[in-house]
Amino acid sequence: MTATGRETDHKKDLHVYLQDARDVFLWKLEGLPEYDIRRPLTATGTNLLGLVKHVTGAEAFYFGEIFGRPVDAPALWIAGDAEPNADLWATADETREETIAHYRRVWAHSDATIDELDLDATGLLPGAERKELSLHRVLVHMVAETQRHAGHADVVRELIDGATGQRESGHHMAPGDSAWWQGHRARVEKVAREASGR
């Protein structure tokens, strides 16, 4: 296989994993009322719509700004562009439909960057460092970032209504009804108590 063929395969593999995580966010919002997609379910305020808003801003920053291809998106507080955690929750004026539409628009922009640039193409990280980042490194970072937050969405959705899995069908989950899961949880709890008593 040629070097170009290998690069295409690597880029395609990374893109598949990124898209897989993107799709998780959309199904985690499905069928939930407005309150449930916004309510904070951790002590730090983690919520489903806020996670979507955050990954939208992250994609715009990494695939847009770094490569000189800006796109309008929520500012990332960690980049110093917004108040702390502003990108991790949606205001009452930011609707579900708008937030999802922004995400889809930004990921289309990201996909164009991925398609048009080689993996060794570089962009500049804004700020004092002005560090060069390759598209390969940005893709790896964004796969990790998006999958990490998709995991947060998994837990938050389970806390809301018990829905689990990478797909709405429960894909990648052990088969079992609610009685089986209650028994499984009780077993894990029992072992945790036994281990802590050693």
Protein backbone atom coordinates (compact mmCIF):
# COMPACT_ATOMS: atom_id res chain seq x y z
CA MET A 1 0.00 0.00 0.00
CA THR A 2 1.29 3.46 -0.84
CA ALA A 3 2.00 6.09 1.77
CA THR A 4 -0.96 8.08 0.44
CA GLY A 5 -3.19 4.99 0.74
CA ARG A 6 -2.10 4.43 4.36
CA GLU A 7 -2.73 8.09 5.19
CA THR A 8 -6.20 7.86 3.67
CA ASP A 9 -6.94 4.75 5.73
CA HIS A 10 -5.66 6.38 8.95
CA LYS A 11 -7.68 9.51 8.30
CA LYS A 12 -10.77 7.45 7.49
CA ASP A 13 -10.38 5.37 10.68
CA LEU A 14 -10.07 8.46 12.88
CA HIS A 15 -12.99 10.11 11.13
CA VAL A 16 -15.19 7.03 11.69
CA TYR A 17 -14.48 7.10 15.44
CA LEU A 18 -15.17 10.84 15.58
CA GLN A 19 -18.48 10.46 13.75
CA ASP A 20 -19.46 7.54 15.96
CA ALA A 21 -19.08 9.73 19.05
CA ARG A 22 -20.96 12.61 17.40
CA ASP A 23 -23.91 10.33 16.72
CA VAL A 24 -24.05 9.30 20.39
CA PHE A 25 -24.82 12.87 21.44
CA LEU A 26 -27.81 13.14 19.15
CA TRP A 27 -29.48 9.94 20.31
CA LYS A 28 -28.87 10.78 23.97
CA LEU A 29 -31.13 13.83 23.49
CA GLU A 30 -33.90 11.91 21.71
CA GLY A 31 -37.24 11.52 23.42
CA LEU A 32 -36.37 13.66 26.44
CA PRO A 33 -38.30 16.72 27.57
CA GLU A 34 -36.59 20.11 27.68
CA TYR A 35 -35.93 19.97 31.41
CA ASP A 36 -34.13 16.63 31.24
CA ILE A 37 -31.73 17.64 28.46
CA ARG A 38 -30.71 20.72 30.46
CA ARG A 39 -30.78 19.68 34.10
CA PRO A 40 -27.47 19.27 35.90
CA LEU A 41 -26.97 15.74 37.14
CA THR A 42 -23.54 16.05 38.71
CA ALA A 43 -22.11 18.39 41.31
CA THR A 44 -20.28 20.22 38.49
CA GLY A 45 -23.47 20.74 36.45
CA THR A 46 -22.95 18.16 33.69
CA ASN A 47 -25.98 18.08 31.39
CA LEU A 48 -26.75 16.67 27.94
CA LEU A 49 -27.39 19.87 25.96
CA GLY A 50 -24.34 21.52 27.51
CA LEU A 51 -22.16 18.62 26.38
CA VAL A 52 -23.37 19.10 22.80
CA LYS A 53 -22.67 22.83 23.03
CA HIS A 54 -19.18 22.13 24.35
CA VAL A 55 -18.16 19.66 21.63
CA THR A 56 -19.49 22.10 19.03
CA GLY A 57 -17.15 24.79 20.32
CA ALA A 58 -14.26 22.34 20.56
CA GLU A 59 -14.63 21.22 16.94
CA ALA A 60 -14.86 24.81 15.75
CA PHE A 61 -11.71 25.69 17.66
CA TYR A 62 -9.62 22.69 16.65
CA PHE A 63 -10.72 22.11 13.04
CA GLY A 64 -11.54 25.75 12.34
CA GLU A 65 -9.48 28.33 14.16
CA ILE A 66 -6.26 26.32 14.37
CA PHE A 67 -6.23 25.78 10.60
CA GLY A 68 -7.21 29.35 9.71
CA ARG A 69 -10.75 28.26 8.81
CA PRO A 70 -12.92 30.08 11.39
CA VAL A 71 -16.55 29.10 11.86
CA ASP A 72 -19.14 30.62 14.18
CA ALA A 73 -19.64 28.50 17.31
CA PRO A 74 -19.89 28.76 21.10
CA ALA A 75 -16.71 30.18 22.60
CA LEU A 76 -14.67 27.83 24.79
CA TRP A 77 -14.15 29.13 28.31
CA ILE A 78 -10.89 27.18 28.57
CA ALA A 79 -9.50 29.18 25.65
CA GLY A 80 -10.23 32.36 27.61
CA ASP A 81 -13.05 33.39 25.28
CA ALA A 82 -15.99 33.11 27.69
CA GLU A 83 -16.89 33.05 31.38
CA PRO A 84 -16.02 29.81 33.23
CA ASN A 85 -18.11 26.86 31.98
CA ALA A 86 -20.20 29.03 29.61
CA ASP A 87 -19.81 26.40 26.88
CA LEU A 88 -21.01 23.56 29.13
CA TRP A 89 -24.65 24.60 29.53
CA ALA A 90 -27.32 26.18 27.34
CA THR A 91 -29.09 29.37 28.28
CA ALA A 92 -32.89 29.51 28.16
CA ASP A 93 -32.63 31.32 24.81
CA GLU A 94 -30.50 28.57 23.24
CA THR A 95 -32.95 26.00 21.97
CA ARG A 96 -32.38 22.30 21.48
CA GLU A 97 -33.02 22.70 17.75
CA GLU A 98 -30.53 25.55 17.39
CA THR A 99 -27.89 23.75 19.44
CA ILE A 100 -28.19 20.60 17.34
CA ALA A 101 -28.22 22.63 14.11
CA HIS A 102 -25.02 24.44 15.21
CA TYR A 103 -23.39 21.11 15.98
CA ARG A 104 -24.28 19.66 12.59
CA ARG A 105 -23.11 22.83 10.81
CA VAL A 106 -19.80 22.87 12.67
CA TRP A 107 -19.17 19.18 12.13
CA ALA A 108 -19.80 19.66 8.38
CA HIS A 109 -17.17 22.43 8.50
CA SER A 110 -14.83 20.10 10.42
CA ASP A 111 -15.43 17.34 7.86
CA ALA A 112 -14.44 19.73 5.07
CA THR A 113 -11.20 20.52 6.91
CA ILE A 114 -10.51 16.80 7.38
CA ASP A 115 -11.27 16.05 3.72
CA GLU A 116 -9.27 18.93 2.28
CA LEU A 117 -6.08 18.69 4.36
CA ASP A 118 -3.43 15.99 4.58
CA LEU A 119 -2.77 14.43 7.97
CA ASP A 120 0.62 16.18 8.14
CA ALA A 121 -0.88 19.62 7.39
CA THR A 122 -0.24 21.96 10.32
CA GLY A 123 -2.10 24.76 11.96
CA LEU A 124 -1.25 27.10 14.82
CA LEU A 125 -2.65 26.90 18.32
CA PRO A 126 -3.74 30.45 19.22
CA GLY A 127 -2.27 32.19 22.22
CA ALA A 128 1.17 32.91 23.52
CA GLU A 129 2.58 29.47 22.64
CA ARG A 130 1.67 29.53 18.93
CA LYS A 131 2.36 25.79 18.92
CA GLU A 132 2.06 23.93 15.59
CA LEU A 133 -0.42 21.06 15.51
CA SER A 134 -0.86 18.59 12.68
CA LEU A 135 -4.27 17.53 11.44
CA HIS A 136 -3.36 14.03 12.61
CA ARG A 137 -2.80 15.23 16.16
CA VAL A 138 -5.98 17.33 16.11
CA LEU A 139 -8.01 14.35 14.86
CA VAL A 140 -6.63 12.12 17.61
CA HIS A 141 -7.34 14.83 20.18
CA MET A 142 -10.89 15.39 18.98
CA VAL A 143 -11.67 11.66 18.86
CA ALA A 144 -10.49 11.39 22.48
CA GLU A 145 -12.30 14.58 23.54
CA THR A 146 -15.58 13.68 21.85
CA GLN A 147 -15.56 10.05 23.01
CA ARG A 148 -14.80 11.23 26.57
CA HIS A 149 -17.81 13.52 26.59
CA ALA A 150 -19.96 10.86 24.89
CA GLY A 151 -19.17 8.73 27.95
CA HIS A 152 -20.40 11.56 30.17
CA ALA A 153 -23.59 11.68 28.07
CA ASP A 154 -24.01 7.91 28.56
CA VAL A 155 -23.99 8.27 32.33
CA VAL A 156 -26.20 11.38 32.37
CA ARG A 157 -28.83 9.74 30.14
CA GLU A 158 -28.81 6.61 32.30
CA LEU A 159 -29.40 8.77 35.39
CA ILE A 160 -32.34 10.48 33.67
CA ASP A 161 -34.34 7.50 32.44
CA GLY A 162 -32.18 4.39 32.49
CA ALA A 163 -31.49 4.44 28.72
CA THR A 164 -28.07 2.94 28.05
CA GLY A 165 -25.77 1.94 25.23
CA GLN A 166 -23.92 3.38 22.31
CA ARG A 167 -27.05 3.14 20.19
CA GLU A 168 -30.70 3.61 21.07
CA SER A 169 -31.10 -0.16 20.68
CA GLY A 170 -28.81 -0.67 23.70
CA HIS A 171 -25.97 -1.86 21.47
CA HIS A 172 -22.81 -2.78 23.40
CA MET A 173 -24.72 -3.51 26.61
CA ALA A 174 -25.13 -6.90 28.24
CA PRO A 175 -28.56 -8.34 27.47
CA GLY A 176 -30.90 -8.25 30.42
CA ASP A 177 -34.17 -6.90 31.70
CA SER A 178 -34.50 -4.53 34.66
CA ALA A 179 -34.56 -7.45 37.12
CA TRP A 180 -31.26 -8.76 35.71
CA TRP A 181 -29.67 -5.30 36.00
CA GLN A 182 -30.91 -4.90 39.58
CA GLY A 183 -29.37 -8.26 40.45
CA HIS A 184 -26.13 -7.32 38.71
CA ARG A 185 -25.97 -4.00 40.55
CA ALA A 186 -26.67 -5.72 43.89
CA ARG A 187 -23.86 -8.20 43.18
CA VAL A 188 -21.39 -5.40 42.38
CA GLU A 189 -22.48 -3.51 45.53
CA LYS A 190 -22.00 -6.65 47.66
CA VAL A 191 -18.49 -7.21 46.33
CA ALA A 192 -17.61 -3.54 46.88
CA ARG A 193 -18.72 -3.76 50.52
CA GLU A 194 -16.82 -7.01 51.04
CA ALA A 195 -13.66 -5.56 49.49
CA SER A 196 -13.87 -2.41 51.58
CA GLY A 197 -14.16 -4.48 54.77
CA ARG A 198 -10.84 -6.26 54.26
